[in-house]
Protein backbone atom coordinates (compact mmCIF):
# COMPACT_ATOMS: atom_id res chain seq x y z
CA UNK A 1 0.00 0.00 0.00
CA UNK A 2 1.25 3.48 -0.67
CA UNK A 3 2.73 5.44 2.18
CA UNK A 4 0.42 8.39 1.44
CA UNK A 5 -2.57 6.27 2.44
CA UNK A 6 -1.02 5.64 5.85
CA UNK A 7 -0.19 9.32 6.20
CA UNK A 8 -3.85 10.07 5.52
CA UNK A 9 -4.97 7.58 8.14
CA UNK A 10 -2.55 9.08 10.65
CA UNK A 11 -3.78 12.56 9.73
CA UNK A 12 -7.40 11.58 10.31
CA UNK A 13 -6.43 9.99 13.63
CA UNK A 14 -4.57 13.18 14.59
CA UNK A 15 -7.66 15.30 13.92
CA UNK A 16 -9.84 12.90 15.94
CA UNK A 17 -7.39 12.83 18.85
CA UNK A 18 -7.19 16.64 18.84
CA UNK A 19 -10.99 16.80 18.96
CA UNK A 20 -11.07 14.43 21.94
CA UNK A 21 -8.35 16.42 23.72
CA UNK A 22 -10.43 19.56 23.20
CA UNK A 23 -13.48 17.87 24.71
CA UNK A 24 -11.60 16.61 27.76
CA UNK A 25 -9.77 19.88 28.57
CA UNK A 26 -12.79 21.74 30.07
CA UNK A 27 -13.66 18.70 32.20
CA UNK A 28 -10.04 18.50 33.34
CA UNK A 29 -10.07 22.18 34.30
CA UNK A 30 -13.25 21.66 36.34
CA UNK A 31 -11.69 18.67 38.09
CA UNK A 32 -14.15 16.16 36.63
CA UNK A 33 -11.50 13.95 35.00
CA UNK A 34 -7.94 12.96 35.86
CA UNK A 35 -4.93 14.70 34.39
CA UNK A 36 -3.80 11.47 32.71
CA UNK A 37 -6.92 11.37 30.53
CA UNK A 38 -6.21 14.79 29.03
CA UNK A 39 -2.49 14.13 28.63
CA UNK A 40 -3.25 10.79 26.99
CA UNK A 41 -5.29 12.44 24.23
CA UNK A 42 -2.72 15.21 23.88
CA UNK A 43 0.15 12.72 23.58
CA UNK A 44 -1.71 10.74 20.91
CA UNK A 45 -2.33 13.95 18.98
CA UNK A 46 1.32 15.01 19.07
CA UNK A 47 2.60 11.56 18.11
CA UNK A 48 0.29 11.37 15.10
CA UNK A 49 1.14 14.93 14.05
CA UNK A 50 4.85 14.12 14.17
CA UNK A 51 4.33 10.82 12.33
CA UNK A 52 2.67 12.69 9.46
CA UNK A 53 5.86 14.78 9.24
CA UNK A 54 8.23 11.82 9.38
CA UNK A 55 8.30 10.78 5.73
CA UNK A 56 7.83 13.92 3.64
CA UNK A 57 8.49 16.85 5.95
CA UNK A 58 6.25 19.88 6.23
CA UNK A 59 4.31 19.57 2.98
CA UNK A 60 0.75 20.65 2.23
CA UNK A 61 -0.73 17.51 3.76
CA UNK A 62 1.10 17.93 7.07
CA UNK A 63 0.15 21.59 7.32
CA UNK A 64 -3.44 20.74 6.44
CA UNK A 65 -3.55 18.09 9.16
CA UNK A 66 -2.17 20.55 11.71
CA UNK A 67 -4.71 23.22 10.74
CA UNK A 68 -7.60 20.75 10.89
CA UNK A 69 -6.38 19.38 14.23
CA UNK A 70 -6.12 22.88 15.70
CA UNK A 71 -9.60 23.75 14.41
CA UNK A 72 -11.04 20.50 15.79
CA UNK A 73 -9.43 21.16 19.18
CA UNK A 74 -10.77 24.72 19.32
CA UNK A 75 -14.26 23.70 18.17
CA UNK A 76 -14.48 20.86 20.70
CA UNK A 77 -13.17 23.07 23.51
CA UNK A 78 -15.67 25.83 22.74
CA UNK A 79 -18.58 23.43 22.35
CA UNK A 80 -17.82 21.61 25.59
CA UNK A 81 -17.14 24.83 27.53
CA UNK A 82 -20.44 26.47 26.58
CA UNK A 83 -22.85 23.59 27.09
CA UNK A 84 -26.28 24.44 28.41
CA UNK A 85 -27.14 22.87 31.75
CA UNK A 86 -29.81 20.17 31.57
CA UNK A 87 -33.35 21.51 31.78
CA UNK A 88 -35.11 20.97 35.10
CA UNK A 89 -38.44 19.31 34.32
CA UNK A 90 -39.30 18.34 37.89
CA UNK A 91 -42.25 20.74 38.15
CA UNK A 92 -43.72 19.54 34.86
CA UNK A 93 -43.42 15.87 35.77
CA UNK A 94 -44.53 16.23 39.39
CA UNK A 95 -46.97 19.15 39.67
CA UNK A 96 -47.48 20.57 43.12
PDB file of N, CA and C in Angstrom:
ATOM      1  N   UNK A   1       0.847  -1.185   0.000  1.00  0.00           N
ATOM      2  CA  UNK A   1       0.000   0.000   0.000  1.00  0.00           C
ATOM      3  C   UNK A   1       0.887   1.241   0.000  1.00  0.00           C
ATOM      4  N   UNK A   2       0.433   2.268  -0.634  1.00  0.00           N
ATOM      5  CA  UNK A   2       1.252   3.481  -0.675  1.00  0.00           C
ATOM      6  C   UNK A   2       1.353   4.149   0.697  1.00  0.00           C
ATOM      7  N   UNK A   3       2.478   4.781   0.902  1.00  0.00           N
ATOM      8  CA  UNK A   3       2.733   5.442   2.178  1.00  0.00           C
ATOM      9  C   UNK A   3       1.796   6.624   2.382  1.00  0.00           C
ATOM     10  N   UNK A   4       1.325   7.237   1.313  1.00  0.00           N
ATOM     11  CA  UNK A   4       0.419   8.386   1.438  1.00  0.00           C
ATOM     12  C   UNK A   4      -0.915   7.981   2.068  1.00  0.00           C
ATOM     13  N   UNK A   5      -1.338   6.754   1.817  1.00  0.00           N
ATOM     14  CA  UNK A   5      -2.566   6.266   2.442  1.00  0.00           C
ATOM     15  C   UNK A   5      -2.406   6.226   3.960  1.00  0.00           C
ATOM     16  N   UNK A   6      -1.276   5.711   4.413  1.00  0.00           N
ATOM     17  CA  UNK A   6      -1.017   5.636   5.851  1.00  0.00           C
ATOM     18  C   UNK A   6      -0.869   7.030   6.459  1.00  0.00           C
ATOM     19  N   UNK A   7      -0.277   7.944   5.713  1.00  0.00           N
ATOM     20  CA  UNK A   7      -0.194   9.325   6.201  1.00  0.00           C
ATOM     21  C   UNK A   7      -1.584   9.922   6.337  1.00  0.00           C
ATOM     22  N   UNK A   8      -2.475   9.598   5.426  1.00  0.00           N
ATOM     23  CA  UNK A   8      -3.850  10.074   5.516  1.00  0.00           C
ATOM     24  C   UNK A   8      -4.581   9.497   6.717  1.00  0.00           C
ATOM     25  N   UNK A   9      -4.361   8.219   6.976  1.00  0.00           N
ATOM     26  CA  UNK A   9      -4.973   7.580   8.142  1.00  0.00           C
ATOM     27  C   UNK A   9      -4.435   8.214   9.420  1.00  0.00           C
ATOM     28  N   UNK A  10      -3.134   8.430   9.486  1.00  0.00           N
ATOM     29  CA  UNK A  10      -2.549   9.083  10.654  1.00  0.00           C
ATOM     30  C   UNK A  10      -3.055  10.518  10.796  1.00  0.00           C
ATOM     31  N   UNK A  11      -3.240  11.199   9.683  1.00  0.00           N
ATOM     32  CA  UNK A  11      -3.777  12.558   9.733  1.00  0.00           C
ATOM     33  C   UNK A  11      -5.200  12.590  10.262  1.00  0.00           C
ATOM     34  N   UNK A  12      -6.022  11.649   9.814  1.00  0.00           N
ATOM     35  CA  UNK A  12      -7.397  11.576  10.312  1.00  0.00           C
ATOM     36  C   UNK A  12      -7.409  11.230  11.801  1.00  0.00           C
ATOM     37  N   UNK A  13      -6.522  10.331  12.216  1.00  0.00           N
ATOM     38  CA  UNK A  13      -6.426   9.992  13.635  1.00  0.00           C
ATOM     39  C   UNK A  13      -5.975  11.205  14.446  1.00  0.00           C
ATOM     40  N   UNK A  14      -5.062  11.976  13.906  1.00  0.00           N
ATOM     41  CA  UNK A  14      -4.574  13.181  14.591  1.00  0.00           C
ATOM     42  C   UNK A  14      -5.710  14.176  14.805  1.00  0.00           C
ATOM     43  N   UNK A  15      -6.530  14.381  13.797  1.00  0.00           N
ATOM     44  CA  UNK A  15      -7.657  15.305  13.924  1.00  0.00           C
ATOM     45  C   UNK A  15      -8.648  14.782  14.964  1.00  0.00           C
ATOM     46  N   UNK A  16      -8.928  13.493  14.949  1.00  0.00           N
ATOM     47  CA  UNK A  16      -9.838  12.901  15.942  1.00  0.00           C
ATOM     48  C   UNK A  16      -9.282  13.038  17.351  1.00  0.00           C
ATOM     49  N   UNK A  17      -7.999  12.736  17.523  1.00  0.00           N
ATOM     50  CA  UNK A  17      -7.392  12.834  18.850  1.00  0.00           C
ATOM     51  C   UNK A  17      -7.382  14.279  19.345  1.00  0.00           C
ATOM     52  N   UNK A  18      -7.158  15.230  18.452  1.00  0.00           N
ATOM     53  CA  UNK A  18      -7.193  16.638  18.844  1.00  0.00           C
ATOM     54  C   UNK A  18      -8.604  17.030  19.276  1.00  0.00           C
ATOM     55  N   UNK A  19      -9.604  16.529  18.579  1.00  0.00           N
ATOM     56  CA  UNK A  19     -10.993  16.798  18.962  1.00  0.00           C
ATOM     57  C   UNK A  19     -11.278  16.249  20.357  1.00  0.00           C
ATOM     58  N   UNK A  20     -10.845  15.031  20.623  1.00  0.00           N
ATOM     59  CA  UNK A  20     -11.075  14.434  21.938  1.00  0.00           C
ATOM     60  C   UNK A  20     -10.308  15.173  23.031  1.00  0.00           C
ATOM     61  N   UNK A  21      -9.112  15.635  22.740  1.00  0.00           N
ATOM     62  CA  UNK A  21      -8.353  16.421  23.722  1.00  0.00           C
ATOM     63  C   UNK A  21      -9.078  17.727  24.020  1.00  0.00           C
ATOM     64  N   UNK A  22      -9.661  18.331  22.993  1.00  0.00           N
ATOM     65  CA  UNK A  22     -10.428  19.556  23.196  1.00  0.00           C
ATOM     66  C   UNK A  22     -11.683  19.331  24.021  1.00  0.00           C
ATOM     67  N   UNK A  23     -12.293  18.176  23.907  1.00  0.00           N
ATOM     68  CA  UNK A  23     -13.485  17.869  24.710  1.00  0.00           C
ATOM     69  C   UNK A  23     -13.128  17.584  26.166  1.00  0.00           C
ATOM     70  N   UNK A  24     -11.979  16.993  26.402  1.00  0.00           N
ATOM     71  CA  UNK A  24     -11.602  16.613  27.761  1.00  0.00           C
ATOM     72  C   UNK A  24     -11.034  17.793  28.546  1.00  0.00           C
ATOM     73  N   UNK A  25     -10.426  18.764  27.865  1.00  0.00           N
ATOM     74  CA  UNK A  25      -9.774  19.876  28.570  1.00  0.00           C
ATOM     75  C   UNK A  25     -10.709  20.650  29.505  1.00  0.00           C
ATOM     76  N   UNK A  26     -11.920  21.038  29.115  1.00  0.00           N
ATOM     77  CA  UNK A  26     -12.790  21.736  30.071  1.00  0.00           C
ATOM     78  C   UNK A  26     -13.153  20.879  31.288  1.00  0.00           C
ATOM     79  N   UNK A  27     -13.355  19.589  31.073  1.00  0.00           N
ATOM     80  CA  UNK A  27     -13.661  18.700  32.199  1.00  0.00           C
ATOM     81  C   UNK A  27     -12.450  18.572  33.120  1.00  0.00           C
ATOM     82  N   UNK A  28     -11.262  18.557  32.541  1.00  0.00           N
ATOM     83  CA  UNK A  28     -10.036  18.502  33.342  1.00  0.00           C
ATOM     84  C   UNK A  28      -9.889  19.777  34.168  1.00  0.00           C
ATOM     85  N   UNK A  29     -10.179  20.913  33.574  1.00  0.00           N
ATOM     86  CA  UNK A  29     -10.070  22.180  34.299  1.00  0.00           C
ATOM     87  C   UNK A  29     -11.076  22.280  35.445  1.00  0.00           C
ATOM     88  N   UNK A  30     -12.235  21.659  35.280  1.00  0.00           N
ATOM     89  CA  UNK A  30     -13.250  21.660  36.341  1.00  0.00           C
ATOM     90  C   UNK A  30     -12.974  20.596  37.390  1.00  0.00           C
ATOM     91  N   UNK A  31     -12.015  19.723  37.144  1.00  0.00           N
ATOM     92  CA  UNK A  31     -11.687  18.666  38.089  1.00  0.00           C
ATOM     93  C   UNK A  31     -12.563  17.441  37.950  1.00  0.00           C
ATOM     94  N   UNK A  32     -13.258  17.293  36.829  1.00  0.00           N
ATOM     95  CA  UNK A  32     -14.149  16.156  36.627  1.00  0.00           C
ATOM     96  C   UNK A  32     -13.421  14.908  36.138  1.00  0.00           C
ATOM     97  N   UNK A  33     -12.278  15.087  35.497  1.00  0.00           N
ATOM     98  CA  UNK A  33     -11.498  13.947  35.004  1.00  0.00           C
ATOM     99  C   UNK A  33     -10.056  14.087  35.475  1.00  0.00           C
ATOM    100  N   UNK A  34      -9.341  12.965  35.442  1.00  0.00           N
ATOM    101  CA  UNK A  34      -7.944  12.962  35.859  1.00  0.00           C
ATOM    102  C   UNK A  34      -7.056  13.622  34.816  1.00  0.00           C
ATOM    103  N   UNK A  35      -5.909  14.058  35.270  1.00  0.00           N
ATOM    104  CA  UNK A  35      -4.928  14.696  34.391  1.00  0.00           C
ATOM    105  C   UNK A  35      -4.460  13.728  33.309  1.00  0.00           C
ATOM    106  N   UNK A  36      -4.323  12.456  33.653  1.00  0.00           N
ATOM    107  CA  UNK A  36      -3.804  11.474  32.705  1.00  0.00           C
ATOM    108  C   UNK A  36      -4.710  11.310  31.489  1.00  0.00           C
ATOM    109  N   UNK A  37      -5.996  11.501  31.665  1.00  0.00           N
ATOM    110  CA  UNK A  37      -6.920  11.365  30.531  1.00  0.00           C
ATOM    111  C   UNK A  37      -6.670  12.454  29.497  1.00  0.00           C
ATOM    112  N   UNK A  38      -6.491  13.701  29.962  1.00  0.00           N
ATOM    113  CA  UNK A  38      -6.206  14.792  29.031  1.00  0.00           C
ATOM    114  C   UNK A  38      -4.840  14.604  28.382  1.00  0.00           C
ATOM    115  N   UNK A  39      -3.827  14.290  29.189  1.00  0.00           N
ATOM    116  CA  UNK A  39      -2.487  14.128  28.628  1.00  0.00           C
ATOM    117  C   UNK A  39      -2.411  12.933  27.685  1.00  0.00           C
ATOM    118  N   UNK A  40      -3.212  11.931  27.908  1.00  0.00           N
ATOM    119  CA  UNK A  40      -3.251  10.791  26.988  1.00  0.00           C
ATOM    120  C   UNK A  40      -3.715  11.201  25.600  1.00  0.00           C
ATOM    121  N   UNK A  41      -4.805  11.968  25.530  1.00  0.00           N
ATOM    122  CA  UNK A  41      -5.290  12.439  24.228  1.00  0.00           C
ATOM    123  C   UNK A  41      -4.298  13.401  23.598  1.00  0.00           C
ATOM    124  N   UNK A  42      -3.691  14.253  24.405  1.00  0.00           N
ATOM    125  CA  UNK A  42      -2.722  15.214  23.883  1.00  0.00           C
ATOM    126  C   UNK A  42      -1.490  14.498  23.336  1.00  0.00           C
ATOM    127  N   UNK A  43      -1.014  13.484  24.041  1.00  0.00           N
ATOM    128  CA  UNK A  43       0.145  12.724  23.579  1.00  0.00           C
ATOM    129  C   UNK A  43      -0.159  12.002  22.268  1.00  0.00           C
ATOM    130  N   UNK A  44      -1.332  11.402  22.168  1.00  0.00           N
ATOM    131  CA  UNK A  44      -1.711  10.739  20.910  1.00  0.00           C
ATOM    132  C   UNK A  44      -1.740  11.730  19.753  1.00  0.00           C
ATOM    133  N   UNK A  45      -2.260  12.928  20.017  1.00  0.00           N
ATOM    134  CA  UNK A  45      -2.327  13.955  18.978  1.00  0.00           C
ATOM    135  C   UNK A  45      -0.938  14.343  18.498  1.00  0.00           C
ATOM    136  N   UNK A  46      -0.044  14.588  19.429  1.00  0.00           N
ATOM    137  CA  UNK A  46       1.317  15.013  19.071  1.00  0.00           C
ATOM    138  C   UNK A  46       2.054  13.909  18.329  1.00  0.00           C
ATOM    139  N   UNK A  47       1.921  12.672  18.769  1.00  0.00           N
ATOM    140  CA  UNK A  47       2.602  11.558  18.113  1.00  0.00           C
ATOM    141  C   UNK A  47       2.115  11.404  16.672  1.00  0.00           C
ATOM    142  N   UNK A  48       0.814  11.482  16.466  1.00  0.00           N
ATOM    143  CA  UNK A  48       0.288  11.368  15.097  1.00  0.00           C
ATOM    144  C   UNK A  48       0.710  12.558  14.238  1.00  0.00           C
ATOM    145  N   UNK A  49       0.723  13.752  14.819  1.00  0.00           N
ATOM    146  CA  UNK A  49       1.144  14.927  14.054  1.00  0.00           C
ATOM    147  C   UNK A  49       2.616  14.814  13.639  1.00  0.00           C
ATOM    148  N   UNK A  50       3.441  14.301  14.518  1.00  0.00           N
ATOM    149  CA  UNK A  50       4.848  14.115  14.171  1.00  0.00           C
ATOM    150  C   UNK A  50       5.038  12.967  13.182  1.00  0.00           C
ATOM    151  N   UNK A  51       4.225  11.936  13.269  1.00  0.00           N
ATOM    152  CA  UNK A  51       4.327  10.817  12.334  1.00  0.00           C
ATOM    153  C   UNK A  51       3.952  11.243  10.912  1.00  0.00           C
ATOM    154  N   UNK A  52       3.031  12.185  10.786  1.00  0.00           N
ATOM    155  CA  UNK A  52       2.675  12.693   9.458  1.00  0.00           C
ATOM    156  C   UNK A  52       3.867  13.431   8.853  1.00  0.00           C
ATOM    157  N   UNK A  53       4.665  14.060   9.694  1.00  0.00           N
ATOM    158  CA  UNK A  53       5.864  14.777   9.243  1.00  0.00           C
ATOM    159  C   UNK A  53       7.009  13.860   8.862  1.00  0.00           C
ATOM    160  N   UNK A  54       7.057  12.688   9.427  1.00  0.00           N
ATOM    161  CA  UNK A  54       8.226  11.825   9.377  1.00  0.00           C
ATOM    162  C   UNK A  54       8.731  11.560   7.960  1.00  0.00           C
ATOM    163  N   UNK A  55       7.871  11.229   7.059  1.00  0.00           N
ATOM    164  CA  UNK A  55       8.303  10.782   5.732  1.00  0.00           C
ATOM    165  C   UNK A  55       8.599  11.926   4.767  1.00  0.00           C
ATOM    166  N   UNK A  56       7.712  12.915   4.695  1.00  0.00           N
ATOM    167  CA  UNK A  56       7.827  13.921   3.638  1.00  0.00           C
ATOM    168  C   UNK A  56       8.133  15.316   4.150  1.00  0.00           C
ATOM    169  N   UNK A  57       8.232  15.511   5.437  1.00  0.00           N
ATOM    170  CA  UNK A  57       8.494  16.846   5.953  1.00  0.00           C
ATOM    171  C   UNK A  57       7.218  17.670   5.987  1.00  0.00           C
ATOM    172  N   UNK A  58       7.391  18.962   6.096  1.00  0.00           N
ATOM    173  CA  UNK A  58       6.250  19.878   6.232  1.00  0.00           C
ATOM    174  C   UNK A  58       5.698  20.223   4.849  1.00  0.00           C
ATOM    175  N   UNK A  59       4.942  19.311   4.271  1.00  0.00           N
ATOM    176  CA  UNK A  59       4.305  19.569   2.981  1.00  0.00           C
ATOM    177  C   UNK A  59       2.871  20.032   3.208  1.00  0.00           C
ATOM    178  N   UNK A  60       2.129  20.146   2.142  1.00  0.00           N
ATOM    179  CA  UNK A  60       0.753  20.653   2.227  1.00  0.00           C
ATOM    180  C   UNK A  60      -0.134  19.731   3.071  1.00  0.00           C
ATOM    181  N   UNK A  61       0.090  18.438   2.980  1.00  0.00           N
ATOM    182  CA  UNK A  61      -0.730  17.510   3.760  1.00  0.00           C
ATOM    183  C   UNK A  61      -0.476  17.679   5.252  1.00  0.00           C
ATOM    184  N   UNK A  62       0.775  17.779   5.645  1.00  0.00           N
ATOM    185  CA  UNK A  62       1.104  17.929   7.067  1.00  0.00           C
ATOM    186  C   UNK A  62       0.539  19.239   7.611  1.00  0.00           C
ATOM    187  N   UNK A  63       0.681  20.292   6.870  1.00  0.00           N
ATOM    188  CA  UNK A  63       0.153  21.586   7.319  1.00  0.00           C
ATOM    189  C   UNK A  63      -1.367  21.548   7.387  1.00  0.00           C
ATOM    190  N   UNK A  64      -1.993  20.885   6.419  1.00  0.00           N
ATOM    191  CA  UNK A  64      -3.443  20.738   6.437  1.00  0.00           C
ATOM    192  C   UNK A  64      -3.922  19.945   7.645  1.00  0.00           C
ATOM    193  N   UNK A  65      -3.201  18.892   7.978  1.00  0.00           N
ATOM    194  CA  UNK A  65      -3.555  18.092   9.156  1.00  0.00           C
ATOM    195  C   UNK A  65      -3.427  18.932  10.410  1.00  0.00           C
ATOM    196  N   UNK A  66      -2.363  19.697  10.531  1.00  0.00           N
ATOM    197  CA  UNK A  66      -2.171  20.550  11.711  1.00  0.00           C
ATOM    198  C   UNK A  66      -3.282  21.582  11.833  1.00  0.00           C
ATOM    199  N   UNK A  67      -3.642  22.199  10.713  1.00  0.00           N
ATOM    200  CA  UNK A  67      -4.707  23.218  10.744  1.00  0.00           C
ATOM    201  C   UNK A  67      -6.033  22.579  11.131  1.00  0.00           C
ATOM    202  N   UNK A  68      -6.358  21.435  10.543  1.00  0.00           N
ATOM    203  CA  UNK A  68      -7.605  20.750  10.893  1.00  0.00           C
ATOM    204  C   UNK A  68      -7.607  20.289  12.347  1.00  0.00           C
ATOM    205  N   UNK A  69      -6.462  19.822  12.838  1.00  0.00           N
ATOM    206  CA  UNK A  69      -6.379  19.383  14.232  1.00  0.00           C
ATOM    207  C   UNK A  69      -6.566  20.571  15.176  1.00  0.00           C
ATOM    208  N   UNK A  70      -5.957  21.699  14.858  1.00  0.00           N
ATOM    209  CA  UNK A  70      -6.122  22.884  15.705  1.00  0.00           C
ATOM    210  C   UNK A  70      -7.569  23.364  15.684  1.00  0.00           C
ATOM    211  N   UNK A  71      -8.202  23.332  14.509  1.00  0.00           N
ATOM    212  CA  UNK A  71      -9.600  23.748  14.407  1.00  0.00           C
ATOM    213  C   UNK A  71     -10.512  22.782  15.162  1.00  0.00           C
ATOM    214  N   UNK A  72     -10.237  21.484  15.069  1.00  0.00           N
ATOM    215  CA  UNK A  72     -11.041  20.495  15.787  1.00  0.00           C
ATOM    216  C   UNK A  72     -10.890  20.672  17.293  1.00  0.00           C
ATOM    217  N   UNK A  73      -9.662  20.937  17.756  1.00  0.00           N
ATOM    218  CA  UNK A  73      -9.428  21.160  19.180  1.00  0.00           C
ATOM    219  C   UNK A  73     -10.199  22.387  19.659  1.00  0.00           C
ATOM    220  N   UNK A  74     -10.095  23.477  18.918  1.00  0.00           N
ATOM    221  CA  UNK A  74     -10.775  24.717  19.316  1.00  0.00           C
ATOM    222  C   UNK A  74     -12.291  24.558  19.290  1.00  0.00           C
ATOM    223  N   UNK A  75     -12.812  23.898  18.273  1.00  0.00           N
ATOM    224  CA  UNK A  75     -14.258  23.697  18.174  1.00  0.00           C
ATOM    225  C   UNK A  75     -14.768  22.829  19.323  1.00  0.00           C
ATOM    226  N   UNK A  76     -14.062  21.745  19.615  1.00  0.00           N
ATOM    227  CA  UNK A  76     -14.484  20.862  20.696  1.00  0.00           C
ATOM    228  C   UNK A  76     -14.387  21.568  22.049  1.00  0.00           C
ATOM    229  N   UNK A  77     -13.326  22.343  22.244  1.00  0.00           N
ATOM    230  CA  UNK A  77     -13.167  23.071  23.511  1.00  0.00           C
ATOM    231  C   UNK A  77     -14.302  24.075  23.699  1.00  0.00           C
ATOM    232  N   UNK A  78     -14.617  24.821  22.640  1.00  0.00           N
ATOM    233  CA  UNK A  78     -15.668  25.828  22.737  1.00  0.00           C
ATOM    234  C   UNK A  78     -17.034  25.180  22.942  1.00  0.00           C
ATOM    235  N   UNK A  79     -17.298  24.117  22.226  1.00  0.00           N
ATOM    236  CA  UNK A  79     -18.579  23.427  22.349  1.00  0.00           C
ATOM    237  C   UNK A  79     -18.759  22.856  23.748  1.00  0.00           C
ATOM    238  N   UNK A  80     -17.737  22.229  24.267  1.00  0.00           N
ATOM    239  CA  UNK A  80     -17.825  21.612  25.594  1.00  0.00           C
ATOM    240  C   UNK A  80     -17.857  22.659  26.713  1.00  0.00           C
ATOM    241  N   UNK A  81     -17.178  23.789  26.500  1.00  0.00           N
ATOM    242  CA  UNK A  81     -17.143  24.829  27.534  1.00  0.00           C
ATOM    243  C   UNK A  81     -18.470  25.562  27.669  1.00  0.00           C
ATOM    244  N   UNK A  82     -19.215  25.676  26.578  1.00  0.00           N
ATOM    245  CA  UNK A  82     -20.442  26.471  26.583  1.00  0.00           C
ATOM    246  C   UNK A  82     -21.692  25.615  26.493  1.00  0.00           C
ATOM    247  N   UNK A  83     -21.661  24.443  27.093  1.00  0.00           N
ATOM    248  CA  UNK A  83     -22.855  23.589  27.086  1.00  0.00           C
ATOM    249  C   UNK A  83     -23.923  24.179  27.988  1.00  0.00           C
ATOM    250  N   UNK A  84     -25.166  24.018  27.570  1.00  0.00           N
ATOM    251  CA  UNK A  84     -26.279  24.439  28.414  1.00  0.00           C
ATOM    252  C   UNK A  84     -26.477  23.409  29.513  1.00  0.00           C
ATOM    253  N   UNK A  85     -26.837  23.857  30.708  1.00  0.00           N
ATOM    254  CA  UNK A  85     -27.141  22.874  31.751  1.00  0.00           C
ATOM    255  C   UNK A  85     -28.430  22.130  31.398  1.00  0.00           C
ATOM    256  N   UNK A  86     -28.588  20.913  31.889  1.00  0.00           N
ATOM    257  CA  UNK A  86     -29.813  20.173  31.570  1.00  0.00           C
ATOM    258  C   UNK A  86     -31.043  20.886  32.129  1.00  0.00           C
ATOM    259  N   UNK A  87     -32.114  20.836  31.379  1.00  0.00           N
ATOM    260  CA  UNK A  87     -33.349  21.511  31.776  1.00  0.00           C
ATOM    261  C   UNK A  87     -33.998  20.780  32.952  1.00  0.00           C
ATOM    262  N   UNK A  88     -34.466  21.541  33.929  1.00  0.00           N
ATOM    263  CA  UNK A  88     -35.110  20.965  35.102  1.00  0.00           C
ATOM    264  C   UNK A  88     -36.607  20.816  34.819  1.00  0.00           C
ATOM    265  N   UNK A  89     -37.046  19.589  34.642  1.00  0.00           N
ATOM    266  CA  UNK A  89     -38.440  19.310  34.319  1.00  0.00           C
ATOM    267  C   UNK A  89     -39.214  18.747  35.515  1.00  0.00           C
ATOM    268  N   UNK A  90     -38.681  18.905  36.702  1.00  0.00           N
ATOM    269  CA  UNK A  90     -39.304  18.343  37.887  1.00  0.00           C
ATOM    270  C   UNK A  90     -40.719  18.853  38.094  1.00  0.00           C
ATOM    271  N   UNK A  91     -40.930  20.154  37.906  1.00  0.00           N
ATOM    272  CA  UNK A  91     -42.248  20.738  38.149  1.00  0.00           C
ATOM    273  C   UNK A  91     -43.266  20.329  37.078  1.00  0.00           C
ATOM    274  N   UNK A  92     -42.791  20.003  35.895  1.00  0.00           N
ATOM    275  CA  UNK A  92     -43.720  19.538  34.862  1.00  0.00           C
ATOM    276  C   UNK A  92     -44.089  18.071  35.062  1.00  0.00           C
ATOM    277  N   UNK A  93     -43.158  17.278  35.547  1.00  0.00           N
ATOM    278  CA  UNK A  93     -43.420  15.868  35.768  1.00  0.00           C
ATOM    279  C   UNK A  93     -44.220  15.647  37.030  1.00  0.00           C
ATOM    280  N   UNK A  94     -43.856  16.352  38.097  1.00  0.00           N
ATOM    281  CA  UNK A  94     -44.534  16.227  39.389  1.00  0.00           C
ATOM    282  C   UNK A  94     -45.138  17.568  39.777  1.00  0.00           C
ATOM    283  N   UNK A  95     -46.363  17.870  39.308  1.00  0.00           N
ATOM    284  CA  UNK A  95     -46.966  19.154  39.667  1.00  0.00           C
ATOM    285  C   UNK A  95     -47.279  19.217  41.157  1.00  0.00           C
ATOM    286  N   UNK A  96     -47.249  20.404  41.682  1.00  0.00           N
ATOM    287  CA  UNK A  96     -47.483  20.570  43.119  1.00  0.00           C
ATOM    288  C   UNK A  96     -48.941  20.593  43.449  1.00  0.00           C
TER     289      UNK A  96
END
